[in-house]
Amino acid sequence: MNHMSKVAELLEVELDEVFRVDNCLGIAETDFRLTEDGLEQRDNATGEWIEGDEWVLALLLTGEVNIIQVSPKPRKGQQYYVPRITTKSEFMFDIYCWDNNEYDKAYYRMGIICKNAAEAIELTKKMLAVAKNRE
């Protein structure tokens, strides 16, 4: 019996959802995902998915490393949202279409791409709370 969907649920990710792990032995920039077949990681040279290192899965299961959520990368022409700092909730996001330009890539690297306005508003509020606590 395959238990990978239960492992994904335990780790609070969905099967095929891309994630990273916190700074663990130099693999912080590696993408991972859980599939029905186990842990896979993206080969940084080719971009292809390959079998993941077993020790990474072991560290995840023992809680020695944590999952870092990765912003979804939109497809060409797909609409996405980013947080905008303002005091009115209805204006706390901007909408863009993915063109794979330098702005799109920068938002992706910062991890601030959101699927919808509600997600962007929530992220904006979190950002404002962090800024407020700096006082």
Protein backbone atom coordinates (compact mmCIF):
# COMPACT_ATOMS: atom_id res chain seq x y z
CA MET A 1 0.00 0.00 0.00
CA ASN A 2 1.34 3.45 -0.98
CA HIS A 3 1.38 6.02 1.84
CA MET A 4 2.82 9.05 0.03
CA SER A 5 -0.47 11.00 0.18
CA LYS A 6 -0.41 10.55 3.97
CA VAL A 7 3.25 11.65 4.10
CA ALA A 8 2.34 14.76 2.08
CA GLU A 9 -0.55 15.49 4.44
CA LEU A 10 1.73 15.04 7.45
CA LEU A 11 4.22 17.50 5.97
CA GLU A 12 1.36 19.88 5.06
CA VAL A 13 1.98 19.87 1.31
CA GLU A 14 0.03 18.39 -1.56
CA LEU A 15 1.33 15.73 -3.90
CA ASP A 16 3.22 17.39 -6.78
CA GLU A 17 3.41 20.73 -4.91
CA VAL A 18 6.86 22.27 -5.33
CA PHE A 19 8.69 23.27 -2.16
CA ARG A 20 12.18 23.90 -0.82
CA VAL A 21 13.78 23.04 2.48
CA ASP A 22 15.36 25.50 4.86
CA ASN A 23 19.10 26.00 4.51
CA CYS A 24 20.14 22.36 4.69
CA LEU A 25 23.62 21.38 3.59
CA GLY A 26 23.66 23.71 0.59
CA ILE A 27 20.40 22.54 -1.00
CA ALA A 28 18.34 25.61 -0.11
CA GLU A 29 17.96 26.50 -3.79
CA THR A 30 16.76 23.01 -4.83
CA ASP A 31 13.10 22.40 -5.67
CA PHE A 32 11.47 19.26 -4.27
CA ARG A 33 8.07 17.63 -4.55
CA LEU A 34 6.35 14.56 -3.17
CA THR A 35 4.69 12.25 -5.68
CA GLU A 36 3.03 8.86 -5.43
CA ASP A 37 6.50 7.43 -6.16
CA GLY A 38 8.31 9.31 -3.36
CA LEU A 39 10.47 12.42 -3.09
CA GLU A 40 11.68 14.02 -6.30
CA GLN A 41 14.04 16.93 -6.77
CA ARG A 42 14.67 19.18 -9.74
CA ASP A 43 18.05 18.73 -11.37
CA ASN A 44 19.41 22.30 -11.35
CA ALA A 45 21.41 21.68 -14.54
CA THR A 46 18.61 20.23 -16.70
CA GLY A 47 15.44 21.32 -14.91
CA GLU A 48 14.16 17.73 -15.01
CA TRP A 49 12.65 15.92 -12.03
CA ILE A 50 14.83 13.12 -10.68
CA GLU A 51 14.66 10.80 -7.69
CA GLY A 52 15.16 12.81 -4.51
CA ASP A 53 17.84 12.16 -1.94
CA GLU A 54 16.48 9.81 0.74
CA TRP A 55 18.26 11.70 3.52
CA VAL A 56 16.25 14.86 2.71
CA LEU A 57 12.98 12.99 3.21
CA ALA A 58 14.35 11.53 6.46
CA LEU A 59 15.27 15.03 7.72
CA LEU A 60 11.79 16.30 6.81
CA LEU A 61 10.09 13.43 8.63
CA THR A 62 12.19 13.87 11.77
CA GLY A 63 11.63 17.63 11.79
CA GLU A 64 15.32 18.46 11.44
CA VAL A 65 14.55 20.62 8.38
CA ASN A 66 11.42 22.52 7.46
CA ILE A 67 9.51 23.03 4.25
CA ILE A 68 9.61 26.44 2.64
CA GLN A 69 6.62 27.13 0.40
CA VAL A 70 7.48 28.28 -3.11
CA SER A 71 5.31 30.79 -4.90
CA PRO A 72 3.49 29.29 -7.86
CA LYS A 73 5.13 30.22 -11.15
CA PRO A 74 2.44 31.36 -13.61
CA ARG A 75 2.36 30.28 -17.23
CA LYS A 76 2.95 32.78 -20.05
CA GLY A 77 0.01 35.19 -20.19
CA GLN A 78 -1.48 33.95 -16.90
CA GLN A 79 -2.68 36.57 -14.43
CA TYR A 80 -1.08 36.77 -10.97
CA TYR A 81 -1.23 39.04 -7.92
CA VAL A 82 1.41 40.67 -5.74
CA PRO A 83 1.02 42.52 -2.43
CA ARG A 84 0.86 46.31 -2.41
CA ILE A 85 1.55 48.26 0.77
CA THR A 86 -1.37 50.57 1.54
CA THR A 87 -3.86 51.06 4.35
CA LYS A 88 -7.04 50.14 2.47
CA SER A 89 -7.65 46.42 2.03
CA GLU A 90 -9.29 46.77 -1.36
CA PHE A 91 -6.04 48.27 -2.76
CA MET A 92 -3.57 45.83 -1.13
CA PHE A 93 -2.68 44.03 -4.37
CA ASP A 94 -1.57 44.61 -7.93
CA ILE A 95 -2.48 42.39 -10.87
CA TYR A 96 -0.03 41.40 -13.59
CA CYS A 97 0.14 38.96 -16.48
CA TRP A 98 3.19 36.71 -16.61
CA ASP A 99 5.45 37.73 -19.48
CA ASN A 100 8.65 36.17 -18.08
CA ASN A 101 10.24 39.63 -17.96
CA GLU A 102 12.65 40.87 -15.29
CA TYR A 103 9.81 42.17 -13.06
CA ASP A 104 8.01 38.82 -13.19
CA LYS A 105 11.22 36.97 -12.37
CA ALA A 106 12.03 39.35 -9.50
CA TYR A 107 8.57 38.89 -7.92
CA TYR A 108 9.00 35.13 -8.26
CA ARG A 109 12.46 35.18 -6.63
CA MET A 110 11.04 37.25 -3.75
CA GLY A 111 8.27 34.69 -3.26
CA ILE A 112 5.46 37.23 -3.44
CA ILE A 113 3.44 35.86 -6.35
CA CYS A 114 -0.11 35.02 -5.27
CA LYS A 115 -2.87 33.07 -7.03
CA ASN A 116 -5.64 35.53 -6.17
CA ALA A 117 -6.42 38.89 -4.58
CA ALA A 118 -7.31 37.39 -1.19
CA GLU A 119 -3.92 35.69 -0.95
CA ALA A 120 -2.14 38.93 -1.88
CA ILE A 121 -4.12 40.93 0.69
CA GLU A 122 -3.27 38.38 3.40
CA LEU A 123 0.43 38.58 2.48
CA THR A 124 0.30 42.40 2.49
CA LYS A 125 -1.17 42.37 6.00
CA LYS A 126 1.56 40.00 7.19
CA MET A 127 4.22 42.27 5.68
CA LEU A 128 2.69 45.31 7.38
CA ALA A 129 2.60 43.47 10.74
CA VAL A 130 6.31 42.66 10.43
CA ALA A 131 7.09 46.28 9.57
CA LYS A 132 5.01 47.49 12.50
CA ASN A 133 6.94 45.26 14.92
CA ARG A 134 10.23 46.87 13.90
CA GLU A 135 9.42 49.97 15.96
